C-alpha atoms as a PDB file:
ATOM      1  CA  MET A   1       0.000   0.000   0.000  1.00  0.00           C
ATOM      2  CA  LEU A   2       0.937   3.636  -0.557  1.00  0.00           C
ATOM      3  CA  HIS A   3       0.106   6.462   1.824  1.00  0.00           C
ATOM      4  CA  LEU A   4      -0.823   9.821   0.301  1.00  0.00           C
ATOM      5  CA  ARG A   5      -0.722  13.122   2.187  1.00  0.00           C
ATOM      6  CA  LEU A   6      -2.285  15.971   0.290  1.00  0.00           C
ATOM      7  CA  PHE A   7      -2.291  19.684   1.102  1.00  0.00           C
ATOM      8  CA  VAL A   8      -5.426  20.991  -0.621  1.00  0.00           C
ATOM      9  CA  PRO A   9      -7.004  24.478  -0.765  1.00  0.00           C
ATOM     10  CA  SER A  10     -10.258  24.390   1.214  1.00  0.00           C
ATOM     11  CA  ASP A  11     -12.368  25.152  -1.853  1.00  0.00           C
ATOM     12  CA  ARG A  12     -10.905  22.104  -3.662  1.00  0.00           C
ATOM     13  CA  THR A  13     -11.225  19.562  -0.844  1.00  0.00           C
ATOM     14  CA  ASP A  14     -14.616  18.134  -1.878  1.00  0.00           C
ATOM     15  CA  GLU A  15     -13.345  17.684  -5.434  1.00  0.00           C
ATOM     16  CA  VAL A  16     -10.242  15.826  -4.244  1.00  0.00           C
ATOM     17  CA  VAL A  17     -12.138  13.649  -1.774  1.00  0.00           C
ATOM     18  CA  GLY A  18     -14.617  12.759  -4.503  1.00  0.00           C
ATOM     19  CA  LEU A  19     -11.756  11.649  -6.733  1.00  0.00           C
ATOM     20  CA  LEU A  20     -10.271   9.507  -3.946  1.00  0.00           C
ATOM     21  CA  GLU A  21     -13.588   7.844  -3.210  1.00  0.00           C
ATOM     22  CA  ARG A  22     -14.198   7.084  -6.901  1.00  0.00           C
ATOM     23  CA  THR A  23     -10.757   5.572  -7.424  1.00  0.00           C
ATOM     24  CA  VAL A  24     -10.677   1.786  -7.192  1.00  0.00           C
ATOM     25  CA  GLY A  25      -8.065   0.631  -4.711  1.00  0.00           C
ATOM     26  CA  THR A  26      -8.290   3.438  -2.126  1.00  0.00           C
ATOM     27  CA  ALA A  27      -8.984   3.140   1.595  1.00  0.00           C
ATOM     28  CA  HIS A  28      -8.750   5.099   4.844  1.00  0.00           C
ATOM     29  CA  VAL A  29      -9.627   8.554   3.519  1.00  0.00           C
ATOM     30  CA  ALA A  30      -9.342  11.265   6.190  1.00  0.00           C
ATOM     31  CA  VAL A  31      -9.740  15.049   6.043  1.00  0.00           C
ATOM     32  CA  LEU A  32      -8.117  17.373   8.568  1.00  0.00           C
ATOM     33  CA  THR A  33     -10.026  20.603   8.032  1.00  0.00           C
ATOM     34  CA  GLY A  34      -7.885  23.726   8.235  1.00  0.00           C
ATOM     35  CA  ALA A  35      -4.818  21.773   9.405  1.00  0.00           C
ATOM     36  CA  ALA A  36      -2.515  23.020   6.631  1.00  0.00           C
ATOM     37  CA  ARG A  37      -0.701  26.316   7.185  1.00  0.00           C
ATOM     38  CA  SER A  38       1.754  26.550   4.334  1.00  0.00           C
ATOM     39  CA  PRO A  39       0.085  26.382   1.910  1.00  0.00           C
ATOM     40  CA  ALA A  40      -3.106  27.130   3.822  1.00  0.00           C
ATOM     41  CA  GLY A  41      -5.974  24.685   3.467  1.00  0.00           C
ATOM     42  CA  ASP A  42      -6.944  21.164   4.454  1.00  0.00           C
ATOM     43  CA  VAL A  43      -4.855  18.034   4.845  1.00  0.00           C
ATOM     44  CA  VAL A  44      -6.280  14.971   3.092  1.00  0.00           C
ATOM     45  CA  LEU A  45      -4.889  11.533   3.933  1.00  0.00           C
ATOM     46  CA  CYS A  46      -5.470   8.348   1.984  1.00  0.00           C
ATOM     47  CA  ASP A  47      -4.082   4.854   1.472  1.00  0.00           C
ATOM     48  CA  VAL A  48      -4.089   3.369  -2.008  1.00  0.00           C
ATOM     49  CA  ALA A  49      -3.014   0.052  -3.495  1.00  0.00           C
ATOM     50  CA  ARG A  50       0.315   0.396  -5.317  1.00  0.00           C
ATOM     51  CA  GLU A  51      -1.224  -0.864  -8.555  1.00  0.00           C
ATOM     52  CA  ALA A  52      -3.713   2.036  -8.479  1.00  0.00           C
ATOM     53  CA  GLY A  53      -1.233   4.630  -7.278  1.00  0.00           C
ATOM     54  CA  ASP A  54       0.194   5.844 -10.584  1.00  0.00           C
ATOM     55  CA  GLU A  55      -3.207   6.584 -12.099  1.00  0.00           C
ATOM     56  CA  LEU A  56      -4.404   8.361  -8.942  1.00  0.00           C
ATOM     57  CA  ILE A  57      -1.291  10.518  -8.748  1.00  0.00           C
ATOM     58  CA  GLY A  58      -1.768  11.413 -12.415  1.00  0.00           C
ATOM     59  CA  ASP A  59      -5.395  12.398 -11.783  1.00  0.00           C
ATOM     60  CA  LEU A  60      -4.374  14.567  -8.821  1.00  0.00           C
ATOM     61  CA  ARG A  61      -1.788  16.313 -10.976  1.00  0.00           C
ATOM     62  CA  ASP A  62      -4.420  16.850 -13.666  1.00  0.00           C
ATOM     63  CA  LEU A  63      -6.451  18.681 -10.995  1.00  0.00           C
ATOM     64  CA  GLY A  64      -3.417  20.871 -10.338  1.00  0.00           C
ATOM     65  CA  ILE A  65      -2.992  19.813  -6.711  1.00  0.00           C
ATOM     66  CA  ASP A  66       0.785  19.783  -7.114  1.00  0.00           C
ATOM     67  CA  ASP A  67       0.595  23.473  -8.098  1.00  0.00           C
ATOM     68  CA  CYS A  68      -1.924  24.811  -5.591  1.00  0.00           C
ATOM     69  CA  GLY A  69      -0.979  22.427  -2.773  1.00  0.00           C
ATOM     70  CA  SER A  70       1.222  19.363  -2.488  1.00  0.00           C
ATOM     71  CA  ILE A  71       1.243  15.591  -3.063  1.00  0.00           C
ATOM     72  CA  SER A  72       3.422  13.412  -0.843  1.00  0.00           C
ATOM     73  CA  VAL A  73       3.673   9.632  -1.263  1.00  0.00           C
ATOM     74  CA  GLU A  74       5.355   7.030   0.914  1.00  0.00           C
ATOM     75  CA  ASN A  75       5.476   3.243   0.829  1.00  0.00           C
ATOM     76  CA  MET A  76       3.747   1.441   3.691  1.00  0.00           C
ATOM     77  CA  ASP A  77       5.711  -1.627   4.787  1.00  0.00           C
ATOM     78  CA  LEU A  78       2.807  -3.003   6.800  1.00  0.00           C
ATOM     79  CA  THR A  79      -0.911  -2.196   6.773  1.00  0.00           C
ATOM     80  CA  LEU A  80      -3.246  -4.329   8.882  1.00  0.00           C
ATOM     81  CA  SER A  81      -6.760  -3.547   7.712  1.00  0.00           C
ATOM     82  CA  ARG A  82      -9.629  -5.420   6.128  1.00  0.00           C
ATOM     83  CA  ARG A  83     -10.431  -2.350   4.013  1.00  0.00           C
ATOM     84  CA  ALA A  84      -6.841  -2.220   2.780  1.00  0.00           C
ATOM     85  CA  ASP A  85      -7.011  -5.900   1.807  1.00  0.00           C
ATOM     86  CA  GLU A  86     -10.266  -5.270  -0.069  1.00  0.00           C
ATOM     87  CA  ALA A  87      -8.746  -2.246  -1.833  1.00  0.00           C
ATOM     88  CA  GLU A  88      -5.763  -4.294  -3.030  1.00  0.00           C
ATOM     89  CA  ARG A  89      -8.048  -7.065  -4.293  1.00  0.00           C
ATOM     90  CA  ALA A  90     -10.237  -4.550  -6.132  1.00  0.00           C
ATOM     91  CA  ALA A  91      -7.332  -2.771  -7.823  1.00  0.00           C
ATOM     92  CA  PRO A  92      -6.405  -4.268 -11.213  1.00  0.00           C
ATOM     93  CA  GLY A  93      -3.059  -5.980 -11.581  1.00  0.00           C
ATOM     94  CA  GLU A  94      -0.405  -6.859  -9.035  1.00  0.00           C
ATOM     95  CA  GLY A  95       1.404  -4.356  -6.859  1.00  0.00           C
ATOM     96  CA  ALA A  96       4.782  -5.949  -7.593  1.00  0.00           C
ATOM     97  CA  ASP A  97       4.294  -5.249 -11.314  1.00  0.00           C
ATOM     98  CA  ALA A  98       3.106  -1.647 -10.912  1.00  0.00           C
ATOM     99  CA  VAL A  99       5.406   1.202 -11.915  1.00  0.00           C
ATOM    100  CA  LEU A 100       5.091   4.573 -10.200  1.00  0.00           C
ATOM    101  CA  TRP A 101       6.426   6.759 -12.969  1.00  0.00           C
ATOM    102  CA  GLU A 102       6.540   9.904 -10.848  1.00  0.00           C
ATOM    103  CA  GLU A 103       8.548   8.070  -8.195  1.00  0.00           C
ATOM    104  CA  LEU A 104      10.878   6.558 -10.793  1.00  0.00           C
ATOM    105  CA  SER A 105      11.478   9.954 -12.409  1.00  0.00           C
ATOM    106  CA  GLU A 106      12.188  11.528  -9.018  1.00  0.00           C
ATOM    107  CA  VAL A 107      14.610   8.800  -7.954  1.00  0.00           C
ATOM    108  CA  THR A 108      16.537   8.751 -11.223  1.00  0.00           C
ATOM    109  CA  ASN A 109      16.623  12.553 -11.300  1.00  0.00           C
ATOM    110  CA  GLU A 110      18.274  12.585  -7.866  1.00  0.00           C
ATOM    111  CA  GLU A 111      20.712   9.822  -8.777  1.00  0.00           C
ATOM    112  CA  SER A 112      21.657  11.552 -12.044  1.00  0.00           C
ATOM    113  CA  THR A 113      23.053  14.721 -10.499  1.00  0.00           C
ATOM    114  CA  PHE A 114      26.655  15.639 -11.302  1.00  0.00           C
ATOM    115  CA  SER A 115      27.582  16.420  -7.710  1.00  0.00           C
ATOM    116  CA  ALA A 116      30.781  16.370  -5.676  1.00  0.00           C
ATOM    117  CA  THR A 117      29.556  13.319  -3.772  1.00  0.00           C
ATOM    118  CA  TYR A 118      28.716  11.411  -6.963  1.00  0.00           C
ATOM    119  CA  VAL A 119      32.086  12.201  -8.561  1.00  0.00           C
ATOM    120  CA  THR A 120      33.941  11.326  -5.365  1.00  0.00           C
ATOM    121  CA  PHE A 121      32.243   7.930  -5.102  1.00  0.00           C
ATOM    122  CA  LEU A 122      32.960   7.188  -8.764  1.00  0.00           C
ATOM    123  CA  ALA A 123      36.586   8.335  -8.517  1.00  0.00           C
ATOM    124  CA  VAL A 124      37.219   6.323  -5.350  1.00  0.00           C
ATOM    125  CA  ALA A 125      35.613   3.255  -6.930  1.00  0.00           C
ATOM    126  CA  THR A 126      37.775   3.662 -10.035  1.00  0.00           C
ATOM    127  CA  MET A 127      40.952   4.059  -7.973  1.00  0.00           C
ATOM    128  CA  LEU A 128      40.029   0.995  -5.934  1.00  0.00           C
ATOM    129  CA  ALA A 129      39.510  -0.917  -9.175  1.00  0.00           C
ATOM    130  CA  ALA A 130      42.912   0.337 -10.380  1.00  0.00           C
ATOM    131  CA  CYS A 131      44.506  -1.302  -7.345  1.00  0.00           C
ATOM    132  CA  GLY A 132      42.553  -4.446  -8.151  1.00  0.00           C
ATOM    133  CA  VAL A 133      43.718  -4.688 -11.754  1.00  0.00           C
ATOM    134  CA  MET A 134      47.336  -3.909 -10.895  1.00  0.00           C
ATOM    135  CA  LEU A 135      47.383  -6.517  -8.138  1.00  0.00           C
ATOM    136  CA  ASP A 136      45.222  -8.927 -10.175  1.00  0.00           C
ATOM    137  CA  ASN A 137      42.903  -9.110  -7.166  1.00  0.00           C
ATOM    138  CA  ALA A 138      39.298 -10.087  -7.960  1.00  0.00           C
ATOM    139  CA  ILE A 139      38.105  -9.162  -4.449  1.00  0.00           C
ATOM    140  CA  LEU A 140      39.172  -5.552  -4.924  1.00  0.00           C
ATOM    141  CA  ILE A 141      37.432  -5.504  -8.301  1.00  0.00           C
ATOM    142  CA  VAL A 142      34.165  -6.702  -6.769  1.00  0.00           C
ATOM    143  CA  GLY A 143      34.463  -4.100  -4.020  1.00  0.00           C
ATOM    144  CA  ALA A 144      35.017  -1.340  -6.554  1.00  0.00           C
ATOM    145  CA  MET A 145      31.980  -2.467  -8.551  1.00  0.00           C
ATOM    146  CA  ALA A 146      29.795  -2.292  -5.450  1.00  0.00           C
ATOM    147  CA  VAL A 147      30.987   1.237  -4.604  1.00  0.00           C
ATOM    148  CA  GLY A 148      30.418   2.677  -8.092  1.00  0.00           C
ATOM    149  CA  PRO A 149      27.262   4.892  -8.366  1.00  0.00           C
ATOM    150  CA  GLU A 150      27.004   4.825 -12.162  1.00  0.00           C
ATOM    151  CA  PHE A 151      23.711   2.909 -12.364  1.00  0.00           C
ATOM    152  CA  GLY A 152      21.801   6.050 -11.336  1.00  0.00           C
ATOM    153  CA  PRO A 153      22.586   8.013 -14.517  1.00  0.00           C
ATOM    154  CA  LEU A 154      22.149   4.879 -16.633  1.00  0.00           C
ATOM    155  CA  ALA A 155      18.645   4.374 -15.219  1.00  0.00           C
ATOM    156  CA  GLY A 156      18.022   8.092 -15.664  1.00  0.00           C
ATOM    157  CA  ILE A 157      18.766   7.885 -19.386  1.00  0.00           C
ATOM    158  CA  SER A 158      16.433   4.905 -19.843  1.00  0.00           C
ATOM    159  CA  THR A 159      13.642   6.574 -17.868  1.00  0.00           C
ATOM    160  CA  ALA A 160      14.049   9.836 -19.733  1.00  0.00           C
ATOM    161  CA  LEU A 161      13.916   8.104 -23.117  1.00  0.00           C
ATOM    162  CA  VAL A 162      10.712   6.272 -22.215  1.00  0.00           C
ATOM    163  CA  GLN A 163       9.129   9.349 -20.625  1.00  0.00           C
ATOM    164  CA  ARG A 164      10.384  11.613 -23.415  1.00  0.00           C
ATOM    165  CA  ALA A 165      12.126  13.943 -20.995  1.00  0.00           C
ATOM    166  CA  PRO A 166      15.025  15.519 -22.920  1.00  0.00           C
ATOM    167  CA  ARG A 167      16.254  17.517 -19.932  1.00  0.00           C
ATOM    168  CA  LEU A 168      16.707  14.369 -17.884  1.00  0.00           C
ATOM    169  CA  VAL A 169      18.538  12.739 -20.809  1.00  0.00           C
ATOM    170  CA  VAL A 170      21.012  15.625 -20.944  1.00  0.00           C
ATOM    171  CA  ARG A 171      21.374  15.703 -17.157  1.00  0.00           C
ATOM    172  CA  SER A 172      22.009  11.943 -16.964  1.00  0.00           C
ATOM    173  CA  LEU A 173      24.429  11.936 -19.898  1.00  0.00           C
ATOM    174  CA  TRP A 174      26.390  14.779 -18.323  1.00  0.00           C
ATOM    175  CA  ALA A 175      26.589  12.904 -15.010  1.00  0.00           C
ATOM    176  CA  LEU A 176      27.625   9.690 -16.760  1.00  0.00           C
ATOM    177  CA  ILE A 177      30.153  11.046 -19.248  1.00  0.00           C
ATOM    178  CA  GLY A 178      31.469  13.848 -17.064  1.00  0.00           C
ATOM    179  CA  GLY A 179      31.695  11.610 -14.027  1.00  0.00           C
ATOM    180  CA  PHE A 180      33.672   8.900 -15.805  1.00  0.00           C
ATOM    181  CA  ALA A 181      35.922  11.480 -17.476  1.00  0.00           C
ATOM    182  CA  VAL A 182      36.831  13.075 -14.138  1.00  0.00           C
ATOM    183  CA  ALA A 183      37.224   9.688 -12.432  1.00  0.00           C
ATOM    184  CA  MET A 184      39.524   8.385 -15.169  1.00  0.00           C
ATOM    185  CA  VAL A 185      41.691  11.497 -15.165  1.00  0.00           C
ATOM    186  CA  LEU A 186      42.035  11.311 -11.376  1.00  0.00           C
ATOM    187  CA  THR A 187      42.806   7.592 -11.593  1.00  0.00           C
ATOM    188  CA  ALA A 188      45.524   8.219 -14.172  1.00  0.00           C
ATOM    189  CA  GLY A 189      47.044  10.753 -11.762  1.00  0.00           C
ATOM    190  CA  PHE A 190      46.625   8.255  -8.920  1.00  0.00           C
ATOM    191  CA  SER A 191      48.471   5.659 -10.996  1.00  0.00           C
ATOM    192  CA  TRP A 192      51.333   8.059 -11.642  1.00  0.00           C
ATOM    193  CA  LEU A 193      51.530   8.851  -7.925  1.00  0.00           C
ATOM    194  CA  MET A 194      51.551   5.166  -6.972  1.00  0.00           C
ATOM    195  CA  ASP A 195      54.308   4.590  -9.523  1.00  0.00           C
ATOM    196  CA  ALA A 196      56.337   7.417  -8.000  1.00  0.00           C
ATOM    197  CA  PHE A 197      56.091   5.717  -4.601  1.00  0.00           C
ATOM    198  CA  GLY A 198      57.079   2.385  -6.109  1.00  0.00           C
ATOM    199  CA  LEU A 199      53.702   0.746  -5.481  1.00  0.00           C
ATOM    200  CA  PHE A 200      52.771   0.426  -9.160  1.00  0.00           C
ATOM    201  CA  GLU A 201      55.127  -0.810 -11.879  1.00  0.00           C
ATOM    202  CA  GLU A 202      54.787  -1.057 -15.636  1.00  0.00           C
ATOM    203  CA  ASP A 203      55.363  -4.813 -15.450  1.00  0.00           C
ATOM    204  CA  MET A 204      52.116  -5.091 -13.481  1.00  0.00           C
ATOM    205  CA  VAL A 205      50.206  -3.720 -16.477  1.00  0.00           C
ATOM    206  CA  THR A 206      51.760  -6.052 -19.030  1.00  0.00           C
ATOM    207  CA  ALA A 207      51.511  -9.163 -16.827  1.00  0.00           C
ATOM    208  CA  LYS A 208      49.011 -11.886 -17.804  1.00  0.00           C
ATOM    209  CA  ARG A 209      46.687 -11.183 -14.843  1.00  0.00           C
ATOM    210  CA  PRO A 210      44.486 -14.308 -15.039  1.00  0.00           C
ATOM    211  CA  GLN A 211      41.966 -12.944 -12.501  1.00  0.00           C
ATOM    212  CA  THR A 212      41.363  -9.560 -14.142  1.00  0.00           C
ATOM    213  CA  GLY A 213      42.657  -9.836 -17.711  1.00  0.00           C
ATOM    214  CA  PHE A 214      39.073 -10.196 -19.010  1.00  0.00           C
ATOM    215  CA  ILE A 215      38.482  -6.514 -18.267  1.00  0.00           C
ATOM    216  CA  TRP A 216      40.288  -5.369 -21.382  1.00  0.00           C
ATOM    217  CA  HIS A 217      39.217  -8.309 -23.570  1.00  0.00           C
ATOM    218  CA  PRO A 218      35.599  -7.470 -24.473  1.00  0.00           C
ATOM    219  CA  ASP A 219      33.517 -10.056 -26.294  1.00  0.00           C
ATOM    220  CA  ARG A 220      29.877 -10.716 -27.079  1.00  0.00           C
ATOM    221  CA  MET A 221      29.284 -12.115 -23.600  1.00  0.00           C
ATOM    222  CA  SER A 222      30.201  -8.724 -22.144  1.00  0.00           C
ATOM    223  CA  PHE A 223      27.239  -7.211 -23.941  1.00  0.00           C
ATOM    224  CA  VAL A 224      24.943 -10.096 -22.959  1.00  0.00           C
ATOM    225  CA  VAL A 225      25.839  -9.681 -19.280  1.00  0.00           C
ATOM    226  CA  ALA A 226      25.231  -5.930 -19.553  1.00  0.00           C
ATOM    227  CA  LEU A 227      21.782  -6.581 -21.056  1.00  0.00           C
ATOM    228  CA  LEU A 228      20.837  -8.940 -18.236  1.00  0.00           C
ATOM    229  CA  ALA A 229      22.162  -6.516 -15.626  1.00  0.00           C
ATOM    230  CA  GLY A 230      20.166  -3.694 -17.187  1.00  0.00           C
ATOM    231  CA  ILE A 231      16.960  -5.739 -16.977  1.00  0.00           C
ATOM    232  CA  ALA A 232      17.587  -6.718 -13.345  1.00  0.00           C
ATOM    233  CA  GLY A 233      18.552  -3.200 -12.321  1.00  0.00           C
ATOM    234  CA  THR A 234      15.500  -1.630 -13.921  1.00  0.00           C
ATOM    235  CA  LEU A 235      13.158  -4.160 -12.326  1.00  0.00           C
ATOM    236  CA  SER A 236      14.760  -3.527  -8.936  1.00  0.00           C
ATOM    237  CA  LEU A 237      14.028   0.192  -9.262  1.00  0.00           C
ATOM    238  CA  THR A 238      10.462  -0.109 -10.508  1.00  0.00           C
ATOM    239  CA  SER A 239       9.509  -2.736  -7.939  1.00  0.00           C
ATOM    240  CA  ALA A 240      11.217  -0.914  -5.050  1.00  0.00           C
ATOM    241  CA  LYS A 241      13.544  -3.903  -4.498  1.00  0.00           C
ATOM    242  CA  SER A 242      16.704  -1.821  -4.251  1.00  0.00           C
ATOM    243  CA  GLY A 243      18.672  -4.668  -2.654  1.00  0.00           C
ATOM    244  CA  ALA A 244      18.997  -6.281  -6.080  1.00  0.00           C
ATOM    245  CA  LEU A 245      21.057  -3.305  -7.259  1.00  0.00           C
ATOM    246  CA  ILE A 246      24.097  -4.646  -5.397  1.00  0.00           C
ATOM    247  CA  GLY A 247      23.967  -7.778  -7.542  1.00  0.00           C
ATOM    248  CA  VAL A 248      23.652  -5.622 -10.648  1.00  0.00           C
ATOM    249  CA  ALA A 249      26.604  -3.476  -9.601  1.00  0.00           C
ATOM    250  CA  ILE A 250      28.989  -6.417  -9.260  1.00  0.00           C
ATOM    251  CA  SER A 251      27.909  -8.129 -12.470  1.00  0.00           C
ATOM    252  CA  VAL A 252      29.188  -5.564 -14.969  1.00  0.00           C
ATOM    253  CA  THR A 253      32.706  -4.221 -15.481  1.00  0.00           C
ATOM    254  CA  THR A 254      32.024  -0.527 -16.008  1.00  0.00           C
ATOM    255  CA  VAL A 255      34.200   0.826 -13.186  1.00  0.00           C
ATOM    256  CA  PRO A 256      37.008  -1.768 -13.596  1.00  0.00           C
ATOM    257  CA  ALA A 257      37.115  -1.101 -17.353  1.00  0.00           C
ATOM    258  CA  ALA A 258      37.414   2.649 -16.742  1.00  0.00           C
ATOM    259  CA  ALA A 259      40.154   2.004 -14.186  1.00  0.00           C
ATOM    260  CA  ASN A 260      42.129  -0.291 -16.465  1.00  0.00           C
ATOM    261  CA  ALA A 261      41.860   2.195 -19.323  1.00  0.00           C
ATOM    262  CA  ALA A 262      43.178   4.999 -17.099  1.00  0.00           C
ATOM    263  CA  VAL A 263      46.064   2.947 -15.698  1.00  0.00           C
ATOM    264  CA  ALA A 264      47.027   1.558 -19.102  1.00  0.00           C
ATOM    265  CA  PHE A 265      46.974   5.044 -20.604  1.00  0.00           C
ATOM    266  CA  SER A 266      49.263   6.338 -17.857  1.00  0.00           C
ATOM    267  CA  TYR A 267      51.800   3.702 -18.993  1.00  0.00           C
ATOM    268  CA  GLN A 268      51.102   4.355 -22.690  1.00  0.00           C
ATOM    269  CA  ASP A 269      49.705   0.873 -23.247  1.00  0.00           C
ATOM    270  CA  LEU A 270      47.257   1.915 -25.949  1.00  0.00           C
ATOM    271  CA  ASN A 271      46.169  -1.644 -26.721  1.00  0.00           C
ATOM    272  CA  GLN A 272      44.799  -2.148 -23.225  1.00  0.00           C
ATOM    273  CA  THR A 273      43.408   1.391 -23.182  1.00  0.00           C
ATOM    274  CA  TRP A 274      41.404   0.687 -26.317  1.00  0.00           C
ATOM    275  CA  GLY A 275      40.211  -2.734 -25.173  1.00  0.00           C
ATOM    276  CA  SER A 276      39.116  -1.407 -21.784  1.00  0.00           C
ATOM    277  CA  SER A 277      37.319   1.534 -23.412  1.00  0.00           C
ATOM    278  CA  VAL A 278      35.386  -0.819 -25.704  1.00  0.00           C
ATOM    279  CA  GLN A 279      34.477  -2.942 -22.663  1.00  0.00           C
ATOM    280  CA  LEU A 280      33.239   0.184 -20.860  1.00  0.00           C
ATOM    281  CA  LEU A 281      31.130   1.373 -23.806  1.00  0.00           C
ATOM    282  CA  ALA A 282      29.673  -2.111 -24.378  1.00  0.00           C
ATOM    283  CA  ASN A 283      28.560  -2.324 -20.752  1.00  0.00           C
ATOM    284  CA  LEU A 284      27.105   1.178 -20.662  1.00  0.00           C
ATOM    285  CA  GLY A 285      25.297   0.698 -23.969  1.00  0.00           C
ATOM    286  CA  GLY A 286      23.925  -2.720 -22.991  1.00  0.00           C
ATOM    287  CA  ILE A 287      22.536  -1.455 -19.689  1.00  0.00           C
ATOM    288  CA  ILE A 288      20.865   1.567 -21.298  1.00  0.00           C
ATOM    289  CA  LEU A 289      19.360  -0.532 -24.096  1.00  0.00           C
ATOM    290  CA  ALA A 290      18.056  -3.217 -21.727  1.00  0.00           C
ATOM    291  CA  GLY A 291      16.740  -0.649 -19.249  1.00  0.00           C
ATOM    292  CA  THR A 292      14.864   1.255 -21.947  1.00  0.00           C
ATOM    293  CA  LEU A 293      13.325  -1.880 -23.467  1.00  0.00           C
ATOM    294  CA  THR A 294      12.345  -3.172 -20.024  1.00  0.00           C
ATOM    295  CA  LEU A 295      10.543   0.069 -19.152  1.00  0.00           C
ATOM    296  CA  LEU A 296       8.780   0.132 -22.524  1.00  0.00           C
ATOM    297  CA  LEU A 297       7.619  -3.453 -22.041  1.00  0.00           C
ATOM    298  CA  GLN A 298       6.459  -2.740 -18.490  1.00  0.00           C
ATOM    299  CA  LYS A 299       4.553   0.295 -19.678  1.00  0.00           C
ATOM    300  CA  ALA A 300       2.850  -1.613 -22.498  1.00  0.00           C
ATOM    301  CA  LEU A 301       1.955  -4.632 -20.347  1.00  0.00           C
ATOM    302  CA  TRP A 302       0.579  -2.480 -17.547  1.00  0.00           C
ATOM    303  CA  ARG A 303      -1.528  -0.419 -19.957  1.00  0.00           C
ATOM    304  CA  ARG A 304      -2.881  -3.601 -21.516  1.00  0.00           C
ATOM    305  CA  ARG A 305      -3.677  -5.119 -18.136  1.00  0.00           C
ATOM    306  CA  ARG A 306      -5.492  -2.018 -16.913  1.00  0.00           C
ATOM    307  CA  THR A 307      -7.619  -1.756 -20.042  1.00  0.00           C
ATOM    308  CA  ALA A 308      -8.427  -5.475 -20.230  1.00  0.00           C
ATOM    309  CA  PRO A 309     -12.013  -6.378 -19.292  1.00  0.00           C
ATOM    310  CA  ALA A 310     -12.436  -7.797 -15.781  1.00  0.00           C
END
């Protein structure tokens, strides 16, 4: 169930309450008359089944409640109520399959910001991966993958393409491309510094590295894995199962490929730089393609299910 808290001008309260009562899947409607101070008006509370939430939020926005008041939504982990159970049974579809497009847009918009924190996380992850590839240590590579925040902008691009939001596309691309560019430059400098202290050596780059050599040897399986990771990551976002994102993060070699490219470039190993760059682009492209197709399929299936006769 979702819990809605609405700030509504007093002269619009009856209209909003009427909408809530007509919407299939709602329960526990309450009106706190005159409780709102900024903006002034009434506070309307309501619970709604997740599968009916997106349509209700859209209807409230069509009424302009987000302009004249406010719409707040939160997920309810536990609701013990017969009326809530009846509302969920009455709502079409399954809550696990429902996509809250407003929530998805908000989350991906936040995660697609080119901020100091985002760049720092990405740079630290890339440097950690650089240590992993130089030491041929798979554990360090996995750790670096888990730290990397790059899935946010990737999901932002997919969401923006499906929602036809060009501003979010530009914002996400800037975070993705700019973030990796800064992280790779810093990692190249980090590699030079480690070399100066005698912790990195050129022989470490040219060694066979059986545990991490795959990073700069892209093949068709790299793209297949990226596609599968994109599907899993998108489903984890739309179904609010964010724990699955950790598995997605450690299944693709975006951060390690960027790290290997930066380190190899610092030693003028252009063959490895090129191979790692292709690996990076294949992973990024596969995730974006899979994420976009997954969202399009979800959107089509949900529309078909909602319009199907009972």
